[in-house]
């Protein structure tokens, strides 16, 4: 496994999650895994925005994990 893999996988997944939120916001529909269907902004606005918010929160958590591992706060994530 490459040396960059353990650390930067969080950044890559964070970018994917953020992009998913941005695309969902733009096109007005998103996939809700918990519901197993597509949710449209016009039909169910509260559920739609909740799912999009989860994309953004998840991406923020992943990016925070990368920053914390760079500072040494999370010793278990540091590649050896």
Protein backbone atom coordinates (compact mmCIF):
# COMPACT_ATOMS: atom_id res chain seq x y z
CA UNK A 1 0.00 0.00 0.00
CA UNK A 2 1.43 3.45 -0.88
CA UNK A 3 2.57 5.78 1.90
CA UNK A 4 0.02 8.47 1.01
CA UNK A 5 -2.97 6.11 1.12
CA UNK A 6 -3.80 6.09 4.86
CA UNK A 7 -3.78 9.89 5.17
CA UNK A 8 -5.13 11.18 1.90
CA UNK A 9 -8.00 8.73 1.58
CA UNK A 10 -9.87 11.03 4.00
CA UNK A 11 -9.27 14.02 1.75
CA UNK A 12 -10.35 12.09 -1.34
CA UNK A 13 -13.54 10.86 0.33
CA UNK A 14 -14.19 14.36 1.69
CA UNK A 15 -13.93 15.86 -1.78
CA UNK A 16 -16.30 13.21 -3.15
CA UNK A 17 -18.84 13.88 -0.37
CA UNK A 18 -18.60 17.65 -0.85
CA UNK A 19 -19.01 17.25 -4.60
CA UNK A 20 -22.06 15.08 -4.02
CA UNK A 21 -23.62 17.81 -1.90
CA UNK A 22 -22.79 20.50 -4.44
CA UNK A 23 -24.17 18.51 -7.37
CA UNK A 24 -27.32 17.61 -5.43
CA UNK A 25 -27.85 21.26 -4.55
CA UNK A 26 -27.47 22.29 -8.18
CA UNK A 27 -29.66 19.65 -9.87
CA UNK A 28 -32.36 19.47 -7.19
CA UNK A 29 -32.33 15.75 -6.54
CA UNK A 30 -30.29 13.48 -4.32
CA UNK A 31 -30.04 9.80 -3.44
CA UNK A 32 -31.10 8.93 0.10
CA UNK A 33 -29.54 5.60 1.09
CA UNK A 34 -31.69 5.34 4.22
CA UNK A 35 -34.87 5.72 2.12
CA UNK A 36 -33.58 3.77 -0.86
CA UNK A 37 -34.90 6.26 -3.38
CA UNK A 38 -34.26 9.58 -5.06
CA UNK A 39 -35.52 12.67 -3.24
CA UNK A 40 -36.49 15.76 -5.21
CA UNK A 41 -36.08 19.29 -3.81
CA UNK A 42 -39.49 20.45 -5.11
CA UNK A 43 -41.46 17.52 -3.66
CA UNK A 44 -39.80 17.01 -0.26
CA UNK A 45 -37.74 20.09 0.59
CA UNK A 46 -37.04 19.33 4.26
CA UNK A 47 -35.84 15.78 3.60
CA UNK A 48 -33.83 16.94 0.59
CA UNK A 49 -31.96 19.60 2.56
CA UNK A 50 -31.36 17.20 5.44
CA UNK A 51 -29.68 14.68 3.12
CA UNK A 52 -27.61 17.40 1.38
CA UNK A 53 -26.54 18.74 4.78
CA UNK A 54 -25.30 15.25 5.67
CA UNK A 55 -23.08 15.33 2.56
CA UNK A 56 -21.49 18.58 3.73
CA UNK A 57 -21.14 17.51 7.38
CA UNK A 58 -19.59 14.18 6.38
CA UNK A 59 -17.09 15.93 4.10
CA UNK A 60 -16.17 18.36 6.90
CA UNK A 61 -15.56 15.48 9.31
CA UNK A 62 -13.31 13.71 6.82
CA UNK A 63 -11.29 16.85 6.13
CA UNK A 64 -10.96 17.50 9.89
CA UNK A 65 -9.63 13.96 10.32
CA UNK A 66 -6.94 14.65 7.71
CA UNK A 67 -5.93 17.91 9.41
CA UNK A 68 -5.88 16.30 12.85
CA UNK A 69 -3.69 13.47 11.59
CA UNK A 70 -1.28 15.98 10.01
CA UNK A 71 -0.91 17.77 13.35
CA UNK A 72 -0.40 14.51 15.23
CA UNK A 73 -3.63 14.75 17.24
CA UNK A 74 -4.75 11.37 16.00
CA UNK A 75 -1.80 9.04 16.49
CA UNK A 76 -3.68 5.99 15.17
CA UNK A 77 -4.06 7.56 11.72
CA UNK A 78 -0.43 8.46 11.28
CA UNK A 79 1.36 6.26 8.73
CA UNK A 80 4.49 4.57 10.02
